[in-house]
Amino acid sequence: MAQAQLPQWLVDHITYRDLCRALSDVESTVHWCQRHKLLAERKSCPKCGREMHLVKRKAVNKEEMGWRCPRKGCRLEVALRSGTFFEGSKLGIEKIMRMVYLWSVKTPLVKMKEEIEVAAQMAVDWYNFICDVYAQYFIHHPTIIGGLGVEVEIDESKFGKRKYNRGRQQHIRPGSIIYSDEWKAYSRITATTGAHTGCRSDVELL
């Protein structure tokens, strides 16, 4: 499963309550992530090539598990998160998954922070990181949205200021009704695509 497809997949296939139950402890969390291709199910030792075992590791993060080579004379250990979406974070995988779910159903940041019980800056950092992963996926896998009379909501805080807005209008079908904060670059989209613009303060997009 592509990382950026995860949020929508979660919402479509599982409730938040069921997700919390599935991630009830360390081993359950790891096995759930393995089943859904978020963590590797097998790993070969990069040093000797022997198949590694998944074991509990002594780490700062007490709930962590990792890979260990069983070969005597090697015993190389590799972090479970290495090369994954979770790499580099000290936050528990269970909390990260819950945060991704809450983000995908547009949970306000303050409420998300309280539900996950993390520091405000940690919540902000992960919120932005998830947005970035999602945005990068669609940059590399363009999707055309909108259509005649269809409303398209755009949150300016999630996009960089591309000069003259080049490239963005190619993702919006002609005739679309665009709601934004009236950033003046959108007058160019209107002229180019024939879309209409409006202003709405309750816009919620990625």
N, C-alpha and C. Protein backbone atom coordinates (compact mmCIF):
# COMPACT_ATOMS: atom_id res chain seq x y z
N MET A 1 0.84 -1.19 0.00
CA MET A 1 0.00 0.00 0.00
C MET A 1 0.88 1.25 0.00
N ALA A 2 0.62 2.19 -0.90
CA ALA A 2 1.38 3.44 -0.93
C ALA A 2 1.06 4.21 0.34
N GLN A 3 2.06 4.88 0.92
CA GLN A 3 1.87 5.60 2.17
C GLN A 3 0.75 6.63 2.06
N ALA A 4 0.68 7.33 0.92
CA ALA A 4 -0.32 8.38 0.77
C ALA A 4 -1.72 7.84 0.56
N GLN A 5 -1.86 6.55 0.24
CA GLN A 5 -3.17 5.95 0.09
C GLN A 5 -3.72 5.48 1.43
N LEU A 6 -2.86 5.46 2.44
CA LEU A 6 -3.24 4.94 3.74
C LEU A 6 -4.41 5.67 4.39
N PRO A 7 -4.42 7.02 4.46
CA PRO A 7 -5.51 7.70 5.15
C PRO A 7 -6.90 7.31 4.64
N GLN A 8 -7.10 7.36 3.32
CA GLN A 8 -8.41 7.03 2.78
C GLN A 8 -8.73 5.56 2.97
N TRP A 9 -7.73 4.71 2.86
CA TRP A 9 -7.94 3.27 3.05
C TRP A 9 -8.44 3.01 4.47
N LEU A 10 -7.85 3.67 5.44
CA LEU A 10 -8.24 3.47 6.83
C LEU A 10 -9.71 3.82 7.03
N VAL A 11 -10.10 4.98 6.52
CA VAL A 11 -11.47 5.45 6.69
C VAL A 11 -12.47 4.50 6.02
N ASP A 12 -12.09 3.97 4.86
CA ASP A 12 -12.98 3.10 4.10
C ASP A 12 -13.11 1.70 4.69
N HIS A 13 -12.11 1.24 5.44
CA HIS A 13 -12.08 -0.16 5.86
C HIS A 13 -12.16 -0.41 7.37
N ILE A 14 -12.04 0.61 8.18
CA ILE A 14 -12.01 0.36 9.62
C ILE A 14 -12.49 1.59 10.38
N THR A 15 -13.14 1.37 11.52
CA THR A 15 -13.54 2.49 12.36
C THR A 15 -12.40 2.83 13.31
N TYR A 16 -12.46 4.00 13.87
CA TYR A 16 -11.41 4.42 14.80
C TYR A 16 -11.36 3.49 16.02
N ARG A 17 -12.53 3.11 16.50
CA ARG A 17 -12.58 2.21 17.66
C ARG A 17 -11.93 0.86 17.34
N ASP A 18 -12.23 0.33 16.15
CA ASP A 18 -11.65 -0.95 15.76
C ASP A 18 -10.14 -0.84 15.57
N LEU A 19 -9.70 0.31 15.06
CA LEU A 19 -8.26 0.51 14.89
C LEU A 19 -7.56 0.50 16.25
N CYS A 20 -8.13 1.17 17.23
CA CYS A 20 -7.54 1.21 18.57
C CYS A 20 -7.47 -0.19 19.16
N ARG A 21 -8.50 -1.00 18.91
CA ARG A 21 -8.49 -2.37 19.40
C ARG A 21 -7.41 -3.20 18.72
N ALA A 22 -7.25 -2.98 17.42
CA ALA A 22 -6.25 -3.74 16.65
C ALA A 22 -4.83 -3.39 17.08
N LEU A 23 -4.66 -2.18 17.61
CA LEU A 23 -3.33 -1.71 18.02
C LEU A 23 -3.21 -1.68 19.54
N SER A 24 -3.78 -2.66 20.20
CA SER A 24 -3.88 -2.67 21.66
C SER A 24 -2.56 -2.88 22.39
N ASP A 25 -1.59 -3.52 21.74
CA ASP A 25 -0.28 -3.71 22.37
C ASP A 25 0.80 -3.71 21.28
N VAL A 26 2.02 -3.80 21.71
CA VAL A 26 3.16 -3.68 20.79
C VAL A 26 3.12 -4.73 19.69
N GLU A 27 3.01 -5.98 20.06
CA GLU A 27 3.06 -7.05 19.08
C GLU A 27 1.87 -7.00 18.13
N SER A 28 0.69 -6.69 18.66
CA SER A 28 -0.49 -6.57 17.80
C SER A 28 -0.32 -5.44 16.79
N THR A 29 0.26 -4.35 17.24
CA THR A 29 0.49 -3.20 16.36
C THR A 29 1.44 -3.56 15.24
N VAL A 30 2.53 -4.23 15.58
CA VAL A 30 3.53 -4.62 14.58
C VAL A 30 2.93 -5.58 13.56
N HIS A 31 2.21 -6.59 14.04
CA HIS A 31 1.64 -7.59 13.14
C HIS A 31 0.57 -6.97 12.24
N TRP A 32 -0.21 -6.03 12.79
CA TRP A 32 -1.23 -5.34 11.99
C TRP A 32 -0.56 -4.54 10.88
N CYS A 33 0.50 -3.83 11.21
CA CYS A 33 1.22 -3.04 10.21
C CYS A 33 1.88 -3.94 9.16
N GLN A 34 2.35 -5.10 9.58
CA GLN A 34 2.94 -6.04 8.63
C GLN A 34 1.89 -6.57 7.66
N ARG A 35 0.73 -6.91 8.17
CA ARG A 35 -0.35 -7.42 7.31
C ARG A 35 -0.76 -6.41 6.25
N HIS A 36 -0.65 -5.13 6.61
CA HIS A 36 -1.06 -4.08 5.69
C HIS A 36 0.11 -3.40 4.98
N LYS A 37 1.25 -4.12 4.96
CA LYS A 37 2.42 -3.72 4.19
C LYS A 37 3.03 -2.38 4.62
N LEU A 38 2.84 -2.02 5.87
CA LEU A 38 3.45 -0.80 6.39
C LEU A 38 4.79 -1.09 7.06
N LEU A 39 4.97 -2.34 7.44
CA LEU A 39 6.25 -2.82 7.98
C LEU A 39 6.59 -4.12 7.27
N ALA A 40 7.88 -4.37 7.12
CA ALA A 40 8.32 -5.60 6.43
C ALA A 40 7.96 -6.84 7.25
N GLU A 41 7.53 -7.89 6.56
CA GLU A 41 7.23 -9.16 7.23
C GLU A 41 8.48 -10.02 7.37
N ARG A 42 9.44 -9.81 6.48
CA ARG A 42 10.69 -10.54 6.53
C ARG A 42 11.84 -9.60 6.21
N LYS A 43 13.01 -9.96 6.70
CA LYS A 43 14.18 -9.13 6.40
C LYS A 43 15.43 -9.97 6.43
N SER A 44 16.28 -9.81 5.43
CA SER A 44 17.56 -10.51 5.38
C SER A 44 18.64 -9.64 6.00
N CYS A 45 19.55 -10.27 6.68
CA CYS A 45 20.64 -9.54 7.31
C CYS A 45 21.49 -8.86 6.23
N PRO A 46 21.66 -7.56 6.29
CA PRO A 46 22.46 -6.85 5.28
C PRO A 46 23.95 -7.19 5.35
N LYS A 47 24.35 -7.86 6.44
CA LYS A 47 25.77 -8.20 6.62
C LYS A 47 26.10 -9.60 6.13
N CYS A 48 25.27 -10.59 6.53
CA CYS A 48 25.59 -11.98 6.16
C CYS A 48 24.52 -12.64 5.29
N GLY A 49 23.38 -11.99 5.12
CA GLY A 49 22.34 -12.54 4.25
C GLY A 49 21.38 -13.50 4.93
N ARG A 50 21.62 -13.81 6.17
CA ARG A 50 20.74 -14.74 6.91
C ARG A 50 19.39 -14.07 7.19
N GLU A 51 18.31 -14.85 7.21
CA GLU A 51 17.00 -14.28 7.52
C GLU A 51 16.97 -13.86 8.98
N MET A 52 16.54 -12.63 9.23
CA MET A 52 16.54 -12.07 10.58
C MET A 52 15.26 -12.43 11.33
N HIS A 53 15.34 -12.36 12.65
CA HIS A 53 14.19 -12.63 13.50
C HIS A 53 13.66 -11.34 14.09
N LEU A 54 12.35 -11.28 14.26
CA LEU A 54 11.73 -10.11 14.87
C LEU A 54 11.70 -10.32 16.38
N VAL A 55 12.35 -9.43 17.11
CA VAL A 55 12.46 -9.59 18.57
C VAL A 55 12.20 -8.27 19.28
N LYS A 56 11.94 -8.36 20.57
CA LYS A 56 11.82 -7.16 21.37
C LYS A 56 13.22 -6.63 21.65
N ARG A 57 13.36 -5.34 21.49
CA ARG A 57 14.68 -4.73 21.66
C ARG A 57 14.69 -3.79 22.84
N LYS A 58 15.84 -3.66 23.48
CA LYS A 58 16.01 -2.68 24.53
C LYS A 58 16.27 -1.34 23.86
N ALA A 59 15.31 -0.45 24.00
CA ALA A 59 15.43 0.84 23.34
C ALA A 59 14.82 1.91 24.24
N VAL A 60 15.09 3.16 23.86
CA VAL A 60 14.53 4.28 24.61
C VAL A 60 13.01 4.18 24.60
N ASN A 61 12.49 3.82 23.44
CA ASN A 61 11.05 3.63 23.29
C ASN A 61 10.73 2.20 23.72
N LYS A 62 10.17 2.02 24.90
CA LYS A 62 10.03 0.70 25.50
C LYS A 62 9.16 -0.27 24.72
N GLU A 63 8.28 0.25 23.85
CA GLU A 63 7.40 -0.64 23.11
C GLU A 63 8.00 -1.10 21.79
N GLU A 64 9.27 -0.75 21.55
CA GLU A 64 9.88 -1.03 20.25
C GLU A 64 10.27 -2.49 20.07
N MET A 65 10.19 -2.92 18.83
CA MET A 65 10.68 -4.23 18.43
C MET A 65 11.66 -4.00 17.29
N GLY A 66 12.41 -5.03 16.95
CA GLY A 66 13.37 -4.85 15.88
C GLY A 66 13.84 -6.17 15.31
N TRP A 67 14.70 -6.06 14.30
CA TRP A 67 15.23 -7.25 13.63
C TRP A 67 16.60 -7.60 14.19
N ARG A 68 16.83 -8.91 14.36
CA ARG A 68 18.14 -9.36 14.84
C ARG A 68 18.57 -10.60 14.04
N CYS A 69 19.82 -10.60 13.63
CA CYS A 69 20.36 -11.75 12.92
C CYS A 69 20.64 -12.87 13.92
N PRO A 70 20.18 -14.10 13.65
CA PRO A 70 20.37 -15.21 14.58
C PRO A 70 21.75 -15.87 14.47
N ARG A 71 22.50 -15.50 13.47
CA ARG A 71 23.79 -16.15 13.22
C ARG A 71 24.82 -15.75 14.27
N LYS A 72 25.41 -16.74 14.90
CA LYS A 72 26.46 -16.47 15.88
C LYS A 72 27.64 -15.80 15.18
N GLY A 73 28.17 -14.82 15.83
CA GLY A 73 29.27 -14.09 15.22
C GLY A 73 28.78 -12.89 14.43
N CYS A 74 27.48 -12.78 14.24
CA CYS A 74 26.92 -11.64 13.53
C CYS A 74 26.04 -10.84 14.49
N ARG A 75 24.87 -11.39 14.77
CA ARG A 75 23.93 -10.78 15.71
C ARG A 75 23.60 -9.31 15.38
N LEU A 76 23.67 -8.98 14.12
CA LEU A 76 23.37 -7.60 13.72
C LEU A 76 21.92 -7.25 14.02
N GLU A 77 21.69 -6.05 14.52
CA GLU A 77 20.34 -5.58 14.79
C GLU A 77 19.99 -4.43 13.86
N VAL A 78 18.75 -4.44 13.37
CA VAL A 78 18.25 -3.39 12.48
C VAL A 78 16.92 -2.90 13.02
N ALA A 79 16.75 -1.60 13.09
CA ALA A 79 15.51 -1.02 13.62
C ALA A 79 14.32 -1.43 12.75
N LEU A 80 13.24 -1.76 13.41
CA LEU A 80 12.03 -2.16 12.70
C LEU A 80 11.53 -1.05 11.77
N ARG A 81 11.70 0.19 12.19
CA ARG A 81 11.19 1.33 11.43
C ARG A 81 12.08 1.73 10.26
N SER A 82 13.25 1.16 10.19
CA SER A 82 14.21 1.56 9.16
C SER A 82 13.61 1.46 7.75
N GLY A 83 13.67 2.57 7.00
CA GLY A 83 13.17 2.59 5.64
C GLY A 83 11.66 2.63 5.51
N THR A 84 10.96 2.97 6.61
CA THR A 84 9.50 3.03 6.57
C THR A 84 8.99 4.43 6.88
N PHE A 85 7.69 4.58 6.77
CA PHE A 85 6.99 5.82 7.09
C PHE A 85 7.26 6.27 8.52
N PHE A 86 7.56 5.32 9.40
CA PHE A 86 7.72 5.60 10.83
C PHE A 86 9.15 5.97 11.22
N GLU A 87 10.08 5.83 10.29
CA GLU A 87 11.50 6.04 10.61
C GLU A 87 11.76 7.47 11.08
N GLY A 88 12.59 7.58 12.09
CA GLY A 88 13.00 8.90 12.56
C GLY A 88 12.14 9.48 13.67
N SER A 89 11.01 8.84 13.97
CA SER A 89 10.13 9.36 15.01
C SER A 89 10.26 8.52 16.29
N LYS A 90 10.19 9.19 17.42
CA LYS A 90 10.22 8.50 18.71
C LYS A 90 8.81 8.18 19.19
N LEU A 91 7.83 8.69 18.47
CA LEU A 91 6.44 8.44 18.83
C LEU A 91 6.08 6.99 18.54
N GLY A 92 5.33 6.37 19.41
CA GLY A 92 4.94 4.99 19.22
C GLY A 92 4.17 4.78 17.92
N ILE A 93 4.38 3.65 17.27
CA ILE A 93 3.71 3.36 16.00
C ILE A 93 2.20 3.39 16.17
N GLU A 94 1.72 2.88 17.29
CA GLU A 94 0.27 2.87 17.55
C GLU A 94 -0.29 4.29 17.55
N LYS A 95 0.44 5.22 18.17
CA LYS A 95 -0.03 6.61 18.21
C LYS A 95 0.05 7.26 16.83
N ILE A 96 1.07 6.91 16.07
CA ILE A 96 1.19 7.46 14.72
C ILE A 96 0.00 7.01 13.87
N MET A 97 -0.35 5.73 13.96
CA MET A 97 -1.46 5.22 13.17
C MET A 97 -2.79 5.87 13.57
N ARG A 98 -2.96 6.07 14.85
CA ARG A 98 -4.18 6.75 15.32
C ARG A 98 -4.22 8.19 14.83
N MET A 99 -3.05 8.83 14.80
CA MET A 99 -2.98 10.20 14.33
C MET A 99 -3.30 10.30 12.84
N VAL A 100 -2.81 9.34 12.06
CA VAL A 100 -3.10 9.31 10.62
C VAL A 100 -4.61 9.17 10.40
N TYR A 101 -5.23 8.31 11.19
CA TYR A 101 -6.68 8.11 11.05
C TYR A 101 -7.43 9.40 11.37
N LEU A 102 -7.10 10.02 12.48
CA LEU A 102 -7.79 11.25 12.89
C LEU A 102 -7.56 12.36 11.87
N TRP A 103 -6.36 12.42 11.32
CA TRP A 103 -6.08 13.41 10.27
C TRP A 103 -6.97 13.16 9.05
N SER A 104 -7.15 11.89 8.70
CA SER A 104 -7.90 11.55 7.49
C SER A 104 -9.38 11.88 7.60
N VAL A 105 -9.90 11.97 8.83
CA VAL A 105 -11.31 12.33 9.00
C VAL A 105 -11.44 13.80 9.44
N LYS A 106 -10.38 14.56 9.19
CA LYS A 106 -10.36 16.01 9.40
C LYS A 106 -10.61 16.42 10.85
N THR A 107 -10.02 15.68 11.75
CA THR A 107 -10.12 16.02 13.17
C THR A 107 -9.30 17.28 13.45
N PRO A 108 -9.86 18.28 14.12
CA PRO A 108 -9.10 19.49 14.44
C PRO A 108 -7.82 19.15 15.19
N LEU A 109 -6.78 19.92 14.93
CA LEU A 109 -5.47 19.64 15.50
C LEU A 109 -5.49 19.60 17.03
N VAL A 110 -6.21 20.53 17.65
CA VAL A 110 -6.27 20.58 19.11
C VAL A 110 -6.91 19.31 19.67
N LYS A 111 -7.99 18.86 19.04
CA LYS A 111 -8.66 17.65 19.49
C LYS A 111 -7.78 16.42 19.26
N MET A 112 -7.05 16.42 18.13
CA MET A 112 -6.14 15.31 17.84
C MET A 112 -5.06 15.22 18.92
N LYS A 113 -4.50 16.34 19.28
CA LYS A 113 -3.45 16.38 20.30
C LYS A 113 -3.96 15.80 21.62
N GLU A 114 -5.17 16.17 22.00
CA GLU A 114 -5.74 15.69 23.25
C GLU A 114 -6.05 14.20 23.19
N GLU A 115 -6.54 13.73 22.06
CA GLU A 115 -6.89 12.31 21.92
C GLU A 115 -5.65 11.43 21.95
N ILE A 116 -4.59 11.84 21.26
CA ILE A 116 -3.37 11.04 21.17
C ILE A 116 -2.48 11.24 22.40
N GLU A 117 -2.70 12.34 23.11
CA GLU A 117 -1.90 12.69 24.30
C GLU A 117 -0.44 12.90 23.94
N VAL A 118 -0.22 13.85 23.05
CA VAL A 118 1.13 14.23 22.65
C VAL A 118 1.29 15.74 22.81
N ALA A 119 2.54 16.19 22.82
CA ALA A 119 2.82 17.62 22.92
C ALA A 119 2.31 18.34 21.68
N ALA A 120 1.98 19.59 21.84
CA ALA A 120 1.42 20.39 20.74
C ALA A 120 2.35 20.39 19.53
N GLN A 121 3.65 20.58 19.75
CA GLN A 121 4.58 20.64 18.63
C GLN A 121 4.68 19.31 17.91
N MET A 122 4.61 18.21 18.66
CA MET A 122 4.63 16.88 18.05
C MET A 122 3.42 16.69 17.15
N ALA A 123 2.26 17.12 17.62
CA ALA A 123 1.03 17.00 16.83
C ALA A 123 1.13 17.83 15.56
N VAL A 124 1.65 19.04 15.68
CA VAL A 124 1.81 19.92 14.51
C VAL A 124 2.77 19.32 13.50
N ASP A 125 3.89 18.81 13.98
CA ASP A 125 4.90 18.23 13.09
C ASP A 125 4.33 17.04 12.32
N TRP A 126 3.61 16.16 13.01
CA TRP A 126 3.05 14.99 12.33
C TRP A 126 1.92 15.37 11.39
N TYR A 127 1.12 16.33 11.79
CA TYR A 127 0.03 16.81 10.93
C TYR A 127 0.61 17.32 9.61
N ASN A 128 1.67 18.13 9.71
CA ASN A 128 2.29 18.67 8.51
C ASN A 128 2.99 17.59 7.69
N PHE A 129 3.61 16.63 8.37
CA PHE A 129 4.30 15.55 7.67
C PHE A 129 3.31 14.71 6.86
N ILE A 130 2.17 14.37 7.46
CA ILE A 130 1.15 13.60 6.75
C ILE A 130 0.65 14.37 5.54
N CYS A 131 0.44 15.67 5.72
CA CYS A 131 0.02 16.52 4.59
C CYS A 131 1.05 16.48 3.47
N ASP A 132 2.32 16.55 3.83
CA ASP A 132 3.40 16.55 2.83
C ASP A 132 3.44 15.23 2.06
N VAL A 133 3.32 14.11 2.79
CA VAL A 133 3.34 12.79 2.15
C VAL A 133 2.18 12.68 1.17
N TYR A 134 1.01 13.11 1.60
CA TYR A 134 -0.18 13.05 0.76
C TYR A 134 -0.02 13.93 -0.47
N ALA A 135 0.50 15.15 -0.26
CA ALA A 135 0.68 16.08 -1.38
C ALA A 135 1.69 15.56 -2.39
N GLN A 136 2.80 14.99 -1.90
CA GLN A 136 3.82 14.46 -2.80
C GLN A 136 3.29 13.31 -3.64
N TYR A 137 2.42 12.50 -3.05
CA TYR A 137 1.84 11.38 -3.80
C TYR A 137 1.05 11.91 -5.00
N PHE A 138 0.23 12.93 -4.77
CA PHE A 138 -0.60 13.44 -5.86
C PHE A 138 0.17 14.30 -6.85
N ILE A 139 1.32 14.81 -6.43
CA ILE A 139 2.18 15.51 -7.38
C ILE A 139 2.73 14.51 -8.39
N HIS A 140 3.08 13.32 -7.89
CA HIS A 140 3.65 12.28 -8.77
C HIS A 140 2.58 11.40 -9.40
N HIS A 141 1.34 11.47 -8.87
CA HIS A 141 0.22 10.70 -9.44
C HIS A 141 -0.95 11.68 -9.61
N PRO A 142 -0.84 12.59 -10.59
CA PRO A 142 -1.83 13.66 -10.76
C PRO A 142 -3.26 13.13 -10.92
N THR A 143 -4.16 13.83 -10.25
CA THR A 143 -5.58 13.51 -10.35
C THR A 143 -6.33 14.77 -10.74
N ILE A 144 -7.17 14.68 -11.75
CA ILE A 144 -7.95 15.83 -12.17
C ILE A 144 -9.26 15.84 -11.40
N ILE A 145 -9.57 16.97 -10.78
CA ILE A 145 -10.77 17.07 -9.96
C ILE A 145 -11.72 18.13 -10.51
N GLY A 146 -12.94 18.12 -9.97
CA GLY A 146 -13.91 19.12 -10.37
C GLY A 146 -14.71 18.71 -11.59
N GLY A 147 -15.29 19.70 -12.23
CA GLY A 147 -16.14 19.46 -13.40
C GLY A 147 -17.19 20.55 -13.47
N LEU A 148 -18.01 20.52 -14.46
CA LEU A 148 -19.02 21.55 -14.65
C LEU A 148 -19.94 21.65 -13.44
N GLY A 149 -19.87 22.79 -12.75
CA GLY A 149 -20.73 23.02 -11.59
C GLY A 149 -20.29 22.33 -10.32
N VAL A 150 -19.16 21.60 -10.36
CA VAL A 150 -18.67 20.88 -9.18
C VAL A 150 -17.80 21.81 -8.33
N GLU A 151 -18.02 21.83 -7.02
CA GLU A 151 -17.24 22.68 -6.12
C GLU A 151 -15.89 22.05 -5.81
N VAL A 152 -14.84 22.87 -5.89
CA VAL A 152 -13.49 22.45 -5.55
C VAL A 152 -13.00 23.36 -4.44
N GLU A 153 -12.66 22.78 -3.30
CA GLU A 153 -12.21 23.56 -2.14
C GLU A 153 -10.70 23.55 -2.07
N ILE A 154 -10.09 24.72 -1.91
CA ILE A 154 -8.64 24.83 -1.88
C ILE A 154 -8.20 25.60 -0.64
N ASP A 155 -7.36 24.97 0.14
CA ASP A 155 -6.81 25.58 1.35
C ASP A 155 -5.41 26.08 1.01
N GLU A 156 -5.25 27.38 0.96
CA GLU A 156 -3.97 27.96 0.54
C GLU A 156 -2.81 27.60 1.45
N SER A 157 -3.10 27.31 2.71
CA SER A 157 -2.01 27.01 3.65
C SER A 157 -1.31 25.71 3.32
N LYS A 158 -1.90 24.88 2.46
CA LYS A 158 -1.31 23.58 2.13
C LYS A 158 -0.50 23.62 0.85
N PHE A 159 -0.40 24.80 0.21
CA PHE A 159 0.33 24.89 -1.05
C PHE A 159 1.38 25.98 -0.99
N GLY A 160 2.46 25.75 -1.72
CA GLY A 160 3.47 26.78 -1.87
C GLY A 160 2.99 27.81 -2.86
N LYS A 161 3.65 28.95 -2.92
CA LYS A 161 3.24 30.00 -3.85
C LYS A 161 3.95 29.82 -5.18
N ARG A 162 3.38 29.01 -6.04
CA ARG A 162 3.98 28.83 -7.36
C ARG A 162 3.80 30.09 -8.18
N LYS A 163 4.85 30.49 -8.82
CA LYS A 163 4.78 31.71 -9.61
C LYS A 163 3.74 31.57 -10.70
N TYR A 164 2.82 32.54 -10.76
CA TYR A 164 1.74 32.57 -11.75
C TYR A 164 0.84 31.35 -11.67
N ASN A 165 0.99 30.56 -10.58
CA ASN A 165 0.13 29.39 -10.39
C ASN A 165 0.27 28.36 -11.49
N ARG A 166 1.42 28.31 -12.15
CA ARG A 166 1.64 27.39 -13.26
C ARG A 166 1.53 25.94 -12.80
N GLY A 167 0.89 25.13 -13.59
CA GLY A 167 0.81 23.71 -13.32
C GLY A 167 -0.39 23.31 -12.47
N ARG A 168 -0.90 24.23 -11.65
CA ARG A 168 -1.99 23.85 -10.77
C ARG A 168 -3.31 23.71 -11.51
N GLN A 169 -3.57 24.64 -12.47
CA GLN A 169 -4.86 24.59 -13.16
C GLN A 169 -5.05 23.33 -13.98
N GLN A 170 -3.97 22.62 -14.30
CA GLN A 170 -4.11 21.39 -15.08
C GLN A 170 -4.79 20.29 -14.29
N HIS A 171 -4.92 20.46 -12.97
CA HIS A 171 -5.56 19.47 -12.13
C HIS A 171 -7.03 19.79 -11.86
N ILE A 172 -7.54 20.89 -12.42
CA ILE A 172 -8.92 21.30 -12.20
C ILE A 172 -9.66 21.36 -13.54
N ARG A 173 -10.78 20.66 -13.62
CA ARG A 173 -11.55 20.61 -14.86
C ARG A 173 -12.23 21.95 -15.12
N PRO A 174 -12.36 22.30 -16.39
CA PRO A 174 -13.08 23.53 -16.76
C PRO A 174 -14.51 23.51 -16.21
N GLY A 175 -14.99 24.69 -15.80
CA GLY A 175 -16.35 24.79 -15.29
C GLY A 175 -16.48 24.54 -13.81
N SER A 176 -15.36 24.22 -13.15
CA SER A 176 -15.40 23.95 -11.72
C SER A 176 -15.66 25.24 -10.93
N ILE A 177 -16.26 25.10 -9.78
CA ILE A 177 -16.47 26.24 -8.87
C ILE A 177 -15.42 26.13 -7.77
N ILE A 178 -14.49 27.08 -7.74
CA ILE A 178 -13.37 27.02 -6.81
C ILE A 178 -13.63 27.89 -5.59
N TYR A 179 -13.54 27.29 -4.41
CA TYR A 179 -13.64 28.03 -3.17
C TYR A 179 -12.26 28.12 -2.54
N SER A 180 -11.83 29.35 -2.28
CA SER A 180 -10.52 29.56 -1.66
C SER A 180 -10.60 30.81 -0.81
N ASP A 181 -9.43 31.27 -0.34
CA ASP A 181 -9.42 32.50 0.45
C ASP A 181 -9.23 33.72 -0.47
N GLU A 182 -9.57 33.51 -1.74
CA GLU A 182 -9.48 34.57 -2.73
C GLU A 182 -8.05 35.04 -2.98
N TRP A 183 -7.09 34.11 -2.87
CA TRP A 183 -5.71 34.43 -3.23
C TRP A 183 -5.73 34.87 -4.69
N LYS A 184 -5.14 36.00 -5.00
CA LYS A 184 -5.32 36.62 -6.30
C LYS A 184 -4.81 35.79 -7.47
N ALA A 185 -3.95 34.82 -7.20
CA ALA A 185 -3.47 33.98 -8.30
C ALA A 185 -4.61 33.20 -8.93
N TYR A 186 -5.71 33.00 -8.19
CA TYR A 186 -6.80 32.20 -8.74
C TYR A 186 -7.59 32.92 -9.83
N SER A 187 -7.37 34.21 -9.98
CA SER A 187 -8.00 34.89 -11.11
C SER A 187 -7.43 34.34 -12.40
N ARG A 188 -6.18 33.85 -12.35
CA ARG A 188 -5.55 33.25 -13.53
C ARG A 188 -6.17 31.90 -13.84
N ILE A 189 -6.54 31.13 -12.79
CA ILE A 189 -7.19 29.85 -13.04
C ILE A 189 -8.53 30.08 -13.71
N THR A 190 -9.27 31.08 -13.21
CA THR A 190 -10.58 31.38 -13.78
C THR A 190 -10.45 31.71 -15.26
N ALA A 191 -9.46 32.52 -15.59
CA ALA A 191 -9.27 32.92 -16.98
C ALA A 191 -8.86 31.75 -17.85
N THR A 192 -8.07 30.84 -17.27
CA THR A 192 -7.52 29.72 -18.06
C THR A 192 -8.51 28.58 -18.22
N THR A 193 -9.24 28.25 -17.13
CA THR A 193 -10.09 27.07 -17.16
C THR A 193 -11.57 27.36 -17.29
N GLY A 194 -11.94 28.62 -17.11
CA GLY A 194 -13.35 28.94 -17.16
C GLY A 194 -14.05 28.60 -15.86
N ALA A 195 -13.25 28.34 -14.79
CA ALA A 195 -13.84 28.01 -13.50
C ALA A 195 -14.29 29.27 -12.79
N HIS A 196 -15.17 29.11 -11.83
CA HIS A 196 -15.66 30.24 -11.05
C HIS A 196 -14.99 30.21 -9.69
N THR A 197 -14.78 31.37 -9.10
CA THR A 197 -14.17 31.42 -7.77
C THR A 197 -15.13 32.01 -6.76
N GLY A 198 -14.95 31.59 -5.53
CA GLY A 198 -15.76 32.12 -4.44
C GLY A 198 -14.91 32.18 -3.21
N CYS A 199 -15.54 32.54 -2.10
CA CYS A 199 -14.79 32.62 -0.85
C CYS A 199 -15.60 31.95 0.24
N ARG A 200 -14.95 31.05 0.98
CA ARG A 200 -15.65 30.40 2.07
C ARG A 200 -14.66 30.20 3.20
N SER A 201 -15.01 30.60 4.40
CA SER A 201 -14.06 30.57 5.50
C SER A 201 -13.96 29.21 6.17
N ASP A 202 -14.90 28.29 5.89
CA ASP A 202 -14.87 27.00 6.55
C ASP A 202 -14.29 25.90 5.69
N VAL A 203 -13.45 26.29 4.73
CA VAL A 203 -12.84 25.31 3.82
C VAL A 203 -12.00 24.32 4.60
N GLU A 204 -12.16 23.04 4.32
CA GLU A 204 -11.33 22.01 4.92
C GLU A 204 -10.85 21.09 3.82
N LEU A 205 -9.57 21.13 3.57
CA LEU A 205 -8.98 20.24 2.58
C LEU A 205 -7.71 19.70 3.19
N LEU A 206 -7.02 18.85 2.51
CA LEU A 206 -5.85 18.16 3.07
C LEU A 206 -4.96 19.08 3.88
